[in-house]
Amino acid sequence: MSESLFELTVDPTLNLLPYDGKVLDFGIILSSAGSEAFFNALLATVEWKNDEAIIFGKRILTKRKVAWYGDKDYEYTYSKISRRALPWNNTLKKLKELVEKHSDESYNSCLLNLYHNGEEGVAWHSDDEKTLKPLGAIASLSLGASRKFSFRHKTTKEEISINLHAGQLLVMKDSTQINWLHSLPKTKKCTQARISLTFRTIVDI
C-alpha cells in the first residue's frame, strides 16, 4: 500500500448506504508500517482457531480462523456455535482505543477473522445476534490484503460494494443489520492474508 492511500481524504459523515441503515468510511487510520506491525503482532499473539458452524446438523470446520475477545468472558453464539471471550491482549487494547477514538463509539468485545487468501470469505449474513446492542455500532478494521466488502438489501436486493485496504476503518450502525446483509466475496485474485477486527458491544440479557 502506498502512503498516498494513508493521506486520502474521506468524509466519515457520508453514509455509504442509500437508505435503511448507516455505514461510515473513516478511511485509512494507520500508516503502512503501522498496519504491517499490528498485522504481524496479531498473527503471533492471538489465539486463532478454525471457525466452526452447524450446517444441516453437521459440525463444519472452515479454513478461516477466528478469535473472540472482550472485557468479560462474554458468550457469543453464531452459526449455532457458542464461544467465550478471551481477555484483551496489549495489541488488541491499543487497536480498540484507536478505533474508539476515530469512530467516537465504545466497544466491549471484538471478533477477529483471519483469511489466509482470497479463497476464504464469508457468505451473506447480518450481525443481528440477540446479545449485540440493538442498533449499536460495529466497527470493522482491516489489516493485510485489500478485499472487496459487499452489502445487499434484504428486500430490494440492491448491492453496494467497497474495497477495504490495510488500516481502513468502516463502521456499520443504526438499522444496518436489520435491513442489510454483508459479505466478503471469495476471489482467486488475492493470494495474501487479511485480518479483520470487528469491534462490537455485547449487552447482558
N, C-alpha and C. Protein backbone atom coordinates (compact mmCIF):
# COMPACT_ATOMS: atom_id res chain seq x y z
N MET A 1 0.84 -1.20 0.00
CA MET A 1 0.00 0.00 0.00
C MET A 1 0.87 1.24 0.00
N SER A 2 0.56 2.19 -0.83
CA SER A 2 1.32 3.42 -0.89
C SER A 2 0.89 4.37 0.22
N GLU A 3 1.81 5.25 0.61
CA GLU A 3 1.48 6.22 1.65
C GLU A 3 0.41 7.19 1.18
N SER A 4 0.22 7.32 -0.16
CA SER A 4 -0.80 8.23 -0.67
C SER A 4 -2.19 7.80 -0.24
N LEU A 5 -2.38 6.49 -0.08
CA LEU A 5 -3.67 6.00 0.41
C LEU A 5 -3.92 6.48 1.83
N PHE A 6 -2.84 6.50 2.64
CA PHE A 6 -2.96 6.95 4.01
C PHE A 6 -3.39 8.41 4.07
N GLU A 7 -3.01 9.17 3.06
CA GLU A 7 -3.32 10.60 3.03
C GLU A 7 -4.66 10.88 2.33
N LEU A 8 -5.30 9.84 1.83
CA LEU A 8 -6.55 10.02 1.10
C LEU A 8 -7.61 10.67 1.97
N THR A 9 -8.24 11.71 1.47
CA THR A 9 -9.26 12.43 2.22
C THR A 9 -10.61 11.73 2.07
N VAL A 10 -11.24 11.42 3.20
CA VAL A 10 -12.56 10.82 3.19
C VAL A 10 -13.48 11.65 4.08
N ASP A 11 -14.77 11.46 3.89
CA ASP A 11 -15.76 12.17 4.70
C ASP A 11 -16.51 11.14 5.53
N PRO A 12 -16.14 10.96 6.81
CA PRO A 12 -16.77 9.93 7.65
C PRO A 12 -18.23 10.24 8.01
N THR A 13 -18.72 11.41 7.60
CA THR A 13 -20.13 11.72 7.85
C THR A 13 -21.01 11.28 6.68
N LEU A 14 -20.38 10.84 5.58
CA LEU A 14 -21.12 10.45 4.39
C LEU A 14 -21.57 9.00 4.50
N ASN A 15 -22.88 8.78 4.43
CA ASN A 15 -23.44 7.44 4.54
C ASN A 15 -23.26 6.69 3.22
N LEU A 16 -22.61 5.52 3.27
CA LEU A 16 -22.40 4.74 2.06
C LEU A 16 -23.66 4.02 1.60
N LEU A 17 -24.64 3.86 2.50
CA LEU A 17 -25.89 3.21 2.14
C LEU A 17 -26.92 4.25 1.69
N PRO A 18 -27.74 3.92 0.70
CA PRO A 18 -28.73 4.87 0.20
C PRO A 18 -29.95 5.01 1.10
N TYR A 19 -30.21 4.00 1.93
CA TYR A 19 -31.39 4.02 2.81
C TYR A 19 -31.31 2.85 3.80
N ASP A 20 -32.16 2.90 4.82
CA ASP A 20 -32.37 1.79 5.76
C ASP A 20 -31.11 1.36 6.51
N GLY A 21 -30.26 2.30 6.86
CA GLY A 21 -29.07 1.96 7.62
C GLY A 21 -28.00 3.01 7.46
N LYS A 22 -26.89 2.81 8.15
CA LYS A 22 -25.80 3.77 8.06
C LYS A 22 -24.46 3.03 8.11
N VAL A 23 -23.63 3.28 7.11
CA VAL A 23 -22.27 2.74 7.05
C VAL A 23 -21.33 3.90 6.77
N LEU A 24 -20.35 4.10 7.65
CA LEU A 24 -19.43 5.23 7.55
C LEU A 24 -18.02 4.73 7.29
N ASP A 25 -17.35 5.38 6.34
CA ASP A 25 -15.98 5.03 5.98
C ASP A 25 -15.04 6.09 6.57
N PHE A 26 -14.21 5.66 7.52
CA PHE A 26 -13.26 6.58 8.16
C PHE A 26 -11.90 6.57 7.46
N GLY A 27 -11.80 5.80 6.38
CA GLY A 27 -10.57 5.78 5.60
C GLY A 27 -9.44 5.04 6.29
N ILE A 28 -8.22 5.30 5.84
CA ILE A 28 -7.03 4.66 6.37
C ILE A 28 -6.61 5.38 7.65
N ILE A 29 -6.64 4.68 8.77
CA ILE A 29 -6.31 5.31 10.06
C ILE A 29 -4.95 4.87 10.58
N LEU A 30 -4.26 4.00 9.81
CA LEU A 30 -2.93 3.54 10.19
C LEU A 30 -1.97 3.73 9.02
N SER A 31 -0.74 4.04 9.29
CA SER A 31 0.27 4.10 8.24
C SER A 31 0.54 2.69 7.73
N SER A 32 1.20 2.58 6.59
CA SER A 32 1.55 1.29 6.04
C SER A 32 2.40 0.49 7.02
N ALA A 33 3.38 1.16 7.62
CA ALA A 33 4.25 0.48 8.59
C ALA A 33 3.47 0.06 9.84
N GLY A 34 2.57 0.93 10.28
CA GLY A 34 1.76 0.61 11.46
C GLY A 34 0.84 -0.57 11.21
N SER A 35 0.22 -0.59 10.04
CA SER A 35 -0.67 -1.70 9.68
C SER A 35 0.08 -3.02 9.67
N GLU A 36 1.27 -3.00 9.07
CA GLU A 36 2.07 -4.23 8.97
C GLU A 36 2.50 -4.71 10.36
N ALA A 37 2.88 -3.77 11.22
CA ALA A 37 3.32 -4.14 12.57
C ALA A 37 2.18 -4.76 13.38
N PHE A 38 1.00 -4.15 13.30
CA PHE A 38 -0.15 -4.71 14.02
C PHE A 38 -0.57 -6.06 13.44
N PHE A 39 -0.52 -6.20 12.12
CA PHE A 39 -0.86 -7.46 11.46
C PHE A 39 0.04 -8.58 11.97
N ASN A 40 1.34 -8.35 11.99
CA ASN A 40 2.28 -9.36 12.44
C ASN A 40 2.12 -9.67 13.93
N ALA A 41 1.83 -8.64 14.72
CA ALA A 41 1.63 -8.85 16.15
C ALA A 41 0.40 -9.71 16.42
N LEU A 42 -0.67 -9.46 15.67
CA LEU A 42 -1.90 -10.25 15.85
C LEU A 42 -1.70 -11.69 15.41
N LEU A 43 -0.98 -11.89 14.32
CA LEU A 43 -0.69 -13.25 13.87
C LEU A 43 0.01 -14.04 14.96
N ALA A 44 0.91 -13.36 15.69
CA ALA A 44 1.74 -14.05 16.67
C ALA A 44 1.08 -14.21 18.04
N THR A 45 0.19 -13.29 18.41
CA THR A 45 -0.31 -13.29 19.80
C THR A 45 -1.76 -13.72 19.97
N VAL A 46 -2.54 -13.66 18.92
CA VAL A 46 -3.96 -14.02 19.04
C VAL A 46 -4.12 -15.55 19.06
N GLU A 47 -5.05 -16.03 19.86
CA GLU A 47 -5.31 -17.46 19.96
C GLU A 47 -6.30 -17.88 18.86
N TRP A 48 -5.75 -18.05 17.66
CA TRP A 48 -6.57 -18.37 16.49
C TRP A 48 -7.07 -19.81 16.54
N LYS A 49 -8.32 -20.00 16.10
CA LYS A 49 -8.90 -21.33 15.96
C LYS A 49 -9.71 -21.38 14.67
N ASN A 50 -9.76 -22.53 14.04
CA ASN A 50 -10.61 -22.68 12.87
C ASN A 50 -12.06 -22.41 13.24
N ASP A 51 -12.75 -21.63 12.41
CA ASP A 51 -14.15 -21.33 12.69
C ASP A 51 -14.99 -22.59 12.53
N GLU A 52 -16.09 -22.63 13.28
CA GLU A 52 -16.99 -23.78 13.23
C GLU A 52 -18.41 -23.33 12.92
N ALA A 53 -19.18 -24.20 12.33
CA ALA A 53 -20.59 -23.93 12.05
C ALA A 53 -21.35 -25.24 12.04
N ILE A 54 -22.63 -25.18 12.42
CA ILE A 54 -23.51 -26.34 12.33
C ILE A 54 -24.36 -26.17 11.08
N ILE A 55 -24.13 -27.00 10.08
CA ILE A 55 -24.86 -26.93 8.81
C ILE A 55 -25.57 -28.25 8.56
N PHE A 56 -26.90 -28.20 8.49
CA PHE A 56 -27.71 -29.42 8.31
C PHE A 56 -27.37 -30.47 9.37
N GLY A 57 -27.15 -29.97 10.60
CA GLY A 57 -26.91 -30.87 11.71
C GLY A 57 -25.48 -31.38 11.83
N LYS A 58 -24.60 -30.97 10.91
CA LYS A 58 -23.22 -31.44 10.94
C LYS A 58 -22.29 -30.29 11.32
N ARG A 59 -21.29 -30.60 12.15
CA ARG A 59 -20.31 -29.61 12.57
C ARG A 59 -19.25 -29.47 11.48
N ILE A 60 -19.09 -28.26 10.96
CA ILE A 60 -18.16 -27.99 9.86
C ILE A 60 -17.02 -27.09 10.36
N LEU A 61 -15.78 -27.46 10.02
CA LEU A 61 -14.63 -26.61 10.30
C LEU A 61 -14.24 -25.85 9.04
N THR A 62 -14.07 -24.54 9.15
CA THR A 62 -13.67 -23.74 7.99
C THR A 62 -12.16 -23.54 7.98
N LYS A 63 -11.61 -23.20 6.83
CA LYS A 63 -10.19 -22.86 6.74
C LYS A 63 -9.93 -21.53 7.44
N ARG A 64 -10.92 -20.65 7.35
CA ARG A 64 -10.78 -19.35 8.02
C ARG A 64 -10.64 -19.55 9.53
N LYS A 65 -9.80 -18.73 10.14
CA LYS A 65 -9.63 -18.82 11.59
C LYS A 65 -10.23 -17.61 12.28
N VAL A 66 -10.66 -17.79 13.51
CA VAL A 66 -11.33 -16.73 14.25
C VAL A 66 -10.80 -16.66 15.68
N ALA A 67 -11.11 -15.56 16.34
CA ALA A 67 -10.82 -15.39 17.76
C ALA A 67 -11.81 -14.40 18.33
N TRP A 68 -12.13 -14.56 19.61
CA TRP A 68 -13.17 -13.76 20.24
C TRP A 68 -12.63 -13.22 21.57
N TYR A 69 -12.57 -11.89 21.70
CA TYR A 69 -12.01 -11.23 22.88
C TYR A 69 -13.02 -10.24 23.45
N GLY A 70 -12.89 -9.92 24.76
CA GLY A 70 -13.82 -8.97 25.34
C GLY A 70 -13.44 -8.51 26.73
N ASP A 71 -14.20 -7.54 27.24
CA ASP A 71 -13.99 -7.03 28.60
C ASP A 71 -14.23 -8.12 29.64
N LYS A 72 -15.19 -9.00 29.35
CA LYS A 72 -15.51 -10.14 30.21
C LYS A 72 -15.59 -11.38 29.34
N ASP A 73 -15.80 -12.54 29.94
CA ASP A 73 -15.88 -13.78 29.16
C ASP A 73 -17.27 -13.93 28.55
N TYR A 74 -17.65 -12.92 27.74
CA TYR A 74 -18.96 -12.92 27.10
C TYR A 74 -19.17 -14.18 26.25
N GLU A 75 -20.38 -14.70 26.32
CA GLU A 75 -20.74 -15.80 25.43
C GLU A 75 -21.33 -15.20 24.16
N TYR A 76 -20.88 -15.69 23.02
CA TYR A 76 -21.37 -15.19 21.73
C TYR A 76 -21.67 -16.39 20.85
N THR A 77 -22.90 -16.45 20.35
CA THR A 77 -23.33 -17.59 19.54
C THR A 77 -23.69 -17.13 18.14
N TYR A 78 -23.05 -17.73 17.16
CA TYR A 78 -23.44 -17.54 15.75
C TYR A 78 -23.12 -18.84 15.02
N SER A 79 -23.84 -19.08 13.94
CA SER A 79 -23.73 -20.35 13.20
C SER A 79 -23.95 -21.55 14.13
N LYS A 80 -24.77 -21.31 15.19
CA LYS A 80 -25.16 -22.35 16.15
C LYS A 80 -23.99 -22.86 16.99
N ILE A 81 -22.91 -22.09 17.06
CA ILE A 81 -21.75 -22.42 17.88
C ILE A 81 -21.54 -21.31 18.90
N SER A 82 -21.37 -21.68 20.18
CA SER A 82 -21.14 -20.69 21.23
C SER A 82 -19.66 -20.58 21.55
N ARG A 83 -19.23 -19.35 21.80
CA ARG A 83 -17.83 -19.09 22.12
C ARG A 83 -17.75 -18.21 23.36
N ARG A 84 -16.66 -18.31 24.11
CA ARG A 84 -16.43 -17.47 25.28
C ARG A 84 -15.26 -16.53 25.00
N ALA A 85 -15.45 -15.26 25.33
CA ALA A 85 -14.43 -14.25 25.03
C ALA A 85 -13.19 -14.42 25.90
N LEU A 86 -12.03 -14.22 25.28
CA LEU A 86 -10.76 -14.21 25.98
C LEU A 86 -10.44 -12.78 26.43
N PRO A 87 -9.60 -12.61 27.45
CA PRO A 87 -9.23 -11.25 27.87
C PRO A 87 -8.35 -10.56 26.84
N TRP A 88 -8.49 -9.24 26.72
CA TRP A 88 -7.71 -8.46 25.76
C TRP A 88 -6.22 -8.66 25.96
N ASN A 89 -5.46 -8.72 24.86
CA ASN A 89 -4.01 -8.61 24.99
C ASN A 89 -3.62 -7.17 24.68
N ASN A 90 -2.34 -6.83 24.86
CA ASN A 90 -1.91 -5.44 24.72
C ASN A 90 -2.14 -4.88 23.32
N THR A 91 -1.90 -5.70 22.30
CA THR A 91 -2.09 -5.25 20.92
C THR A 91 -3.55 -4.91 20.66
N LEU A 92 -4.45 -5.78 21.09
CA LEU A 92 -5.88 -5.55 20.89
C LEU A 92 -6.37 -4.33 21.67
N LYS A 93 -5.82 -4.12 22.86
CA LYS A 93 -6.19 -2.94 23.64
C LYS A 93 -5.85 -1.65 22.89
N LYS A 94 -4.65 -1.63 22.29
CA LYS A 94 -4.23 -0.44 21.54
C LYS A 94 -5.14 -0.19 20.34
N LEU A 95 -5.48 -1.26 19.63
CA LEU A 95 -6.34 -1.10 18.46
C LEU A 95 -7.76 -0.71 18.87
N LYS A 96 -8.24 -1.26 19.97
CA LYS A 96 -9.57 -0.90 20.47
C LYS A 96 -9.63 0.60 20.80
N GLU A 97 -8.61 1.11 21.48
CA GLU A 97 -8.57 2.54 21.82
C GLU A 97 -8.52 3.40 20.57
N LEU A 98 -7.75 2.97 19.58
CA LEU A 98 -7.63 3.72 18.34
C LEU A 98 -8.96 3.77 17.59
N VAL A 99 -9.64 2.63 17.50
CA VAL A 99 -10.92 2.55 16.80
C VAL A 99 -11.98 3.37 17.54
N GLU A 100 -11.98 3.31 18.86
CA GLU A 100 -12.95 4.09 19.64
C GLU A 100 -12.73 5.58 19.45
N LYS A 101 -11.48 6.00 19.38
CA LYS A 101 -11.16 7.41 19.20
C LYS A 101 -11.66 7.92 17.85
N HIS A 102 -11.41 7.16 16.79
CA HIS A 102 -11.80 7.59 15.45
C HIS A 102 -13.31 7.51 15.23
N SER A 103 -13.95 6.48 15.76
CA SER A 103 -15.38 6.29 15.50
C SER A 103 -16.27 6.99 16.51
N ASP A 104 -15.67 7.49 17.60
CA ASP A 104 -16.43 8.15 18.67
C ASP A 104 -17.51 7.22 19.22
N GLU A 105 -17.17 5.95 19.34
CA GLU A 105 -18.04 4.93 19.91
C GLU A 105 -17.24 4.13 20.93
N SER A 106 -17.94 3.36 21.78
CA SER A 106 -17.26 2.47 22.71
C SER A 106 -17.65 1.03 22.42
N TYR A 107 -16.72 0.11 22.65
CA TYR A 107 -16.95 -1.31 22.36
C TYR A 107 -16.41 -2.14 23.52
N ASN A 108 -17.03 -3.30 23.75
CA ASN A 108 -16.56 -4.16 24.84
C ASN A 108 -16.10 -5.54 24.36
N SER A 109 -16.04 -5.74 23.05
CA SER A 109 -15.66 -7.05 22.53
C SER A 109 -15.18 -6.92 21.09
N CYS A 110 -14.52 -7.99 20.61
CA CYS A 110 -14.00 -7.97 19.25
C CYS A 110 -13.94 -9.40 18.70
N LEU A 111 -14.52 -9.57 17.53
CA LEU A 111 -14.42 -10.83 16.80
C LEU A 111 -13.40 -10.63 15.68
N LEU A 112 -12.36 -11.46 15.68
CA LEU A 112 -11.32 -11.36 14.66
C LEU A 112 -11.45 -12.51 13.67
N ASN A 113 -11.20 -12.21 12.40
CA ASN A 113 -11.19 -13.22 11.35
C ASN A 113 -9.86 -13.19 10.63
N LEU A 114 -9.29 -14.35 10.38
CA LEU A 114 -8.05 -14.48 9.63
C LEU A 114 -8.33 -15.24 8.34
N TYR A 115 -8.20 -14.54 7.22
CA TYR A 115 -8.38 -15.14 5.89
C TYR A 115 -7.00 -15.33 5.28
N HIS A 116 -6.61 -16.57 5.02
CA HIS A 116 -5.27 -16.85 4.55
C HIS A 116 -5.04 -16.36 3.11
N ASN A 117 -6.10 -16.32 2.32
CA ASN A 117 -6.04 -15.82 0.94
C ASN A 117 -7.47 -15.60 0.45
N GLY A 118 -7.60 -15.25 -0.84
CA GLY A 118 -8.91 -14.92 -1.39
C GLY A 118 -9.86 -16.10 -1.54
N GLU A 119 -9.35 -17.31 -1.37
CA GLU A 119 -10.23 -18.48 -1.46
C GLU A 119 -11.07 -18.65 -0.20
N GLU A 120 -10.80 -17.84 0.81
CA GLU A 120 -11.58 -17.84 2.05
C GLU A 120 -12.37 -16.54 2.13
N GLY A 121 -13.65 -16.64 2.48
CA GLY A 121 -14.50 -15.47 2.59
C GLY A 121 -15.63 -15.73 3.56
N VAL A 122 -16.65 -14.88 3.51
CA VAL A 122 -17.83 -15.05 4.37
C VAL A 122 -19.07 -14.81 3.52
N ALA A 123 -20.03 -15.72 3.62
CA ALA A 123 -21.27 -15.61 2.85
C ALA A 123 -22.16 -14.50 3.41
N TRP A 124 -23.23 -14.20 2.68
CA TRP A 124 -24.17 -13.15 3.09
C TRP A 124 -24.72 -13.45 4.48
N HIS A 125 -24.72 -12.43 5.35
CA HIS A 125 -25.24 -12.58 6.71
C HIS A 125 -25.43 -11.19 7.32
N SER A 126 -26.11 -11.16 8.46
CA SER A 126 -26.22 -9.94 9.26
C SER A 126 -25.72 -10.25 10.66
N ASP A 127 -25.11 -9.26 11.29
CA ASP A 127 -24.68 -9.40 12.68
C ASP A 127 -25.84 -8.95 13.56
N ASP A 128 -26.83 -9.83 13.70
CA ASP A 128 -28.06 -9.46 14.41
C ASP A 128 -28.35 -10.38 15.59
N GLU A 129 -27.30 -10.94 16.19
CA GLU A 129 -27.49 -11.82 17.33
C GLU A 129 -28.11 -11.04 18.50
N LYS A 130 -28.91 -11.72 19.30
CA LYS A 130 -29.66 -11.08 20.38
C LYS A 130 -28.76 -10.48 21.46
N THR A 131 -27.54 -10.97 21.58
CA THR A 131 -26.64 -10.46 22.62
C THR A 131 -25.95 -9.15 22.21
N LEU A 132 -26.09 -8.75 20.95
CA LEU A 132 -25.49 -7.50 20.50
C LEU A 132 -26.39 -6.31 20.84
N LYS A 133 -25.78 -5.17 21.13
CA LYS A 133 -26.52 -3.96 21.44
C LYS A 133 -27.44 -3.59 20.28
N PRO A 134 -28.75 -3.43 20.53
CA PRO A 134 -29.68 -3.09 19.46
C PRO A 134 -29.30 -1.77 18.78
N LEU A 135 -29.23 -1.79 17.46
CA LEU A 135 -28.88 -0.62 16.65
C LEU A 135 -27.48 -0.09 16.97
N GLY A 136 -26.67 -0.90 17.64
CA GLY A 136 -25.34 -0.47 18.05
C GLY A 136 -24.36 -0.44 16.89
N ALA A 137 -23.23 0.21 17.13
CA ALA A 137 -22.19 0.33 16.11
C ALA A 137 -21.31 -0.91 16.11
N ILE A 138 -20.93 -1.35 14.91
CA ILE A 138 -19.95 -2.41 14.74
C ILE A 138 -18.85 -1.83 13.86
N ALA A 139 -17.64 -1.76 14.41
CA ALA A 139 -16.51 -1.17 13.70
C ALA A 139 -15.64 -2.27 13.13
N SER A 140 -15.33 -2.18 11.84
CA SER A 140 -14.50 -3.17 11.16
C SER A 140 -13.18 -2.54 10.74
N LEU A 141 -12.09 -3.05 11.30
CA LEU A 141 -10.75 -2.57 10.94
C LEU A 141 -10.05 -3.65 10.13
N SER A 142 -9.54 -3.28 8.96
CA SER A 142 -8.89 -4.23 8.06
C SER A 142 -7.37 -4.12 8.16
N LEU A 143 -6.71 -5.28 8.14
CA LEU A 143 -5.25 -5.34 8.11
C LEU A 143 -4.85 -6.39 7.08
N GLY A 144 -3.73 -6.15 6.41
CA GLY A 144 -3.27 -7.12 5.42
C GLY A 144 -3.81 -6.82 4.04
N ALA A 145 -4.18 -7.88 3.32
CA ALA A 145 -4.59 -7.76 1.92
C ALA A 145 -5.87 -6.93 1.76
N SER A 146 -5.95 -6.22 0.64
CA SER A 146 -7.17 -5.50 0.28
C SER A 146 -8.21 -6.50 -0.22
N ARG A 147 -9.47 -6.30 0.21
CA ARG A 147 -10.54 -7.20 -0.22
C ARG A 147 -11.83 -6.41 -0.46
N LYS A 148 -12.64 -6.94 -1.35
CA LYS A 148 -13.95 -6.37 -1.62
C LYS A 148 -14.91 -6.74 -0.50
N PHE A 149 -15.72 -5.77 -0.05
CA PHE A 149 -16.72 -5.97 1.00
C PHE A 149 -18.06 -5.50 0.45
N SER A 150 -19.08 -6.34 0.53
CA SER A 150 -20.35 -6.04 -0.15
C SER A 150 -21.54 -6.00 0.80
N PHE A 151 -22.52 -5.16 0.45
CA PHE A 151 -23.79 -5.08 1.15
C PHE A 151 -24.92 -5.42 0.19
N ARG A 152 -25.97 -6.07 0.69
CA ARG A 152 -27.15 -6.36 -0.13
C ARG A 152 -28.41 -6.15 0.71
N HIS A 153 -29.31 -5.31 0.21
CA HIS A 153 -30.54 -5.02 0.94
C HIS A 153 -31.42 -6.27 0.97
N LYS A 154 -32.01 -6.53 2.12
CA LYS A 154 -32.78 -7.76 2.30
C LYS A 154 -34.06 -7.79 1.47
N THR A 155 -34.62 -6.62 1.17
CA THR A 155 -35.88 -6.55 0.43
C THR A 155 -35.66 -6.19 -1.04
N THR A 156 -34.96 -5.09 -1.29
CA THR A 156 -34.80 -4.62 -2.67
C THR A 156 -33.71 -5.38 -3.42
N LYS A 157 -32.82 -6.05 -2.69
CA LYS A 157 -31.69 -6.80 -3.26
C LYS A 157 -30.61 -5.90 -3.87
N GLU A 158 -30.73 -4.60 -3.67
CA GLU A 158 -29.70 -3.68 -4.17
C GLU A 158 -28.37 -4.00 -3.51
N GLU A 159 -27.29 -3.96 -4.29
CA GLU A 159 -25.97 -4.27 -3.77
C GLU A 159 -25.04 -3.08 -3.89
N ILE A 160 -24.20 -2.93 -2.87
CA ILE A 160 -23.19 -1.88 -2.82
C ILE A 160 -21.90 -2.50 -2.31
N SER A 161 -20.79 -2.19 -2.96
CA SER A 161 -19.51 -2.78 -2.57
C SER A 161 -18.46 -1.70 -2.35
N ILE A 162 -17.49 -2.01 -1.51
CA ILE A 162 -16.37 -1.12 -1.25
C ILE A 162 -15.12 -1.97 -1.11
N ASN A 163 -14.00 -1.48 -1.60
CA ASN A 163 -12.72 -2.16 -1.41
C ASN A 163 -12.09 -1.68 -0.11
N LEU A 164 -11.81 -2.62 0.78
CA LEU A 164 -11.22 -2.29 2.07
C LEU A 164 -9.73 -2.58 2.03
N HIS A 165 -8.93 -1.58 2.44
CA HIS A 165 -7.47 -1.70 2.40
C HIS A 165 -6.90 -1.80 3.81
N ALA A 166 -5.63 -2.13 3.89
CA ALA A 166 -4.96 -2.24 5.18
C ALA A 166 -5.04 -0.92 5.94
N GLY A 167 -5.49 -1.00 7.19
CA GLY A 167 -5.59 0.19 8.02
C GLY A 167 -6.89 0.95 7.88
N GLN A 168 -7.83 0.44 7.07
CA GLN A 168 -9.08 1.16 6.82
C GLN A 168 -10.14 0.78 7.85
N LEU A 169 -10.88 1.79 8.31
CA LEU A 169 -11.92 1.61 9.31
C LEU A 169 -13.30 1.88 8.73
N LEU A 170 -14.20 0.91 8.88
CA LEU A 170 -15.58 1.02 8.41
C LEU A 170 -16.50 0.77 9.60
N VAL A 171 -17.54 1.60 9.76
CA VAL A 171 -18.46 1.44 10.88
C VAL A 171 -19.88 1.26 10.38
N MET A 172 -20.52 0.17 10.80
CA MET A 172 -21.93 -0.11 10.50
C MET A 172 -22.74 0.20 11.75
N LYS A 173 -23.85 0.93 11.59
CA LYS A 173 -24.62 1.30 12.78
C LYS A 173 -26.09 1.49 12.43
N ASP A 174 -26.86 1.91 13.45
CA ASP A 174 -28.30 2.14 13.34
C ASP A 174 -29.00 0.88 12.81
N SER A 175 -29.81 0.96 11.78
CA SER A 175 -30.63 -0.18 11.35
C SER A 175 -29.97 -1.02 10.25
N THR A 176 -28.67 -0.87 10.07
CA THR A 176 -27.98 -1.60 9.01
C THR A 176 -28.17 -3.10 9.10
N GLN A 177 -27.99 -3.67 10.30
CA GLN A 177 -28.07 -5.12 10.46
C GLN A 177 -29.50 -5.64 10.29
N ILE A 178 -30.49 -4.77 10.49
CA ILE A 178 -31.89 -5.17 10.32
C ILE A 178 -32.24 -5.28 8.84
N ASN A 179 -31.71 -4.36 8.04
CA ASN A 179 -32.15 -4.24 6.65
C ASN A 179 -31.15 -4.72 5.60
N TRP A 180 -29.89 -4.89 5.99
CA TRP A 180 -28.87 -5.24 5.01
C TRP A 180 -28.08 -6.48 5.42
N LEU A 181 -27.70 -7.27 4.43
CA LEU A 181 -26.74 -8.35 4.60
C LEU A 181 -25.37 -7.84 4.16
N HIS A 182 -24.31 -8.48 4.64
CA HIS A 182 -22.98 -8.14 4.13
C HIS A 182 -22.17 -9.41 3.94
N SER A 183 -21.14 -9.32 3.11
CA SER A 183 -20.33 -10.49 2.82
C SER A 183 -18.92 -10.08 2.42
N LEU A 184 -18.01 -11.03 2.52
CA LEU A 184 -16.66 -10.88 1.98
C LEU A 184 -16.53 -11.92 0.87
N PRO A 185 -16.73 -11.52 -0.40
CA PRO A 185 -16.73 -12.47 -1.50
C PRO A 185 -15.36 -13.13 -1.68
N LYS A 186 -15.37 -14.38 -2.09
CA LYS A 186 -14.13 -15.07 -2.40
C LYS A 186 -13.59 -14.57 -3.74
N THR A 187 -12.27 -14.63 -3.88
CA THR A 187 -11.64 -14.20 -5.13
C THR A 187 -10.31 -14.92 -5.30
N LYS A 188 -10.06 -15.41 -6.50
CA LYS A 188 -8.79 -16.08 -6.78
C LYS A 188 -7.67 -15.09 -7.02
N LYS A 189 -8.02 -13.82 -7.17
CA LYS A 189 -7.03 -12.80 -7.45
C LYS A 189 -6.17 -12.46 -6.23
N CYS A 190 -6.70 -12.72 -5.04
CA CYS A 190 -5.98 -12.36 -3.82
C CYS A 190 -5.22 -13.58 -3.29
N THR A 191 -3.91 -13.43 -3.15
CA THR A 191 -3.08 -14.53 -2.65
C THR A 191 -2.49 -14.22 -1.28
N GLN A 192 -2.81 -13.04 -0.73
CA GLN A 192 -2.26 -12.62 0.55
C GLN A 192 -3.29 -12.77 1.67
N ALA A 193 -2.82 -12.77 2.90
CA ALA A 193 -3.69 -12.93 4.07
C ALA A 193 -4.29 -11.60 4.50
N ARG A 194 -5.45 -11.68 5.13
CA ARG A 194 -6.13 -10.49 5.65
C ARG A 194 -6.67 -10.81 7.04
N ILE A 195 -6.57 -9.84 7.93
CA ILE A 195 -7.21 -9.93 9.25
C ILE A 195 -8.24 -8.83 9.35
N SER A 196 -9.45 -9.19 9.78
CA SER A 196 -10.47 -8.18 10.08
C SER A 196 -10.78 -8.23 11.57
N LEU A 197 -10.87 -7.06 12.16
CA LEU A 197 -11.26 -6.94 13.56
C LEU A 197 -12.60 -6.24 13.61
N THR A 198 -13.61 -6.90 14.13
CA THR A 198 -14.93 -6.28 14.23
C THR A 198 -15.26 -6.03 15.69
N PHE A 199 -15.13 -4.77 16.07
CA PHE A 199 -15.40 -4.35 17.45
C PHE A 199 -16.90 -4.14 17.61
N ARG A 200 -17.45 -4.64 18.70
CA ARG A 200 -18.89 -4.59 18.91
C ARG A 200 -19.20 -4.49 20.39
N THR A 201 -20.50 -4.37 20.71
CA THR A 201 -20.92 -4.24 22.11
C THR A 201 -21.91 -5.35 22.46
N ILE A 202 -21.53 -6.16 23.43
CA ILE A 202 -22.40 -7.21 23.95
C ILE A 202 -23.21 -6.63 25.12
N VAL A 203 -24.48 -6.94 25.18
CA VAL A 203 -25.33 -6.49 26.29
C VAL A 203 -25.75 -7.71 27.09
N ASP A 204 -25.89 -7.54 28.39
CA ASP A 204 -26.35 -8.62 29.26
C ASP A 204 -27.85 -8.74 29.15
N ILE A 205 -28.34 -9.93 28.78
CA ILE A 205 -29.78 -10.15 28.63
C ILE A 205 -30.24 -11.27 29.54
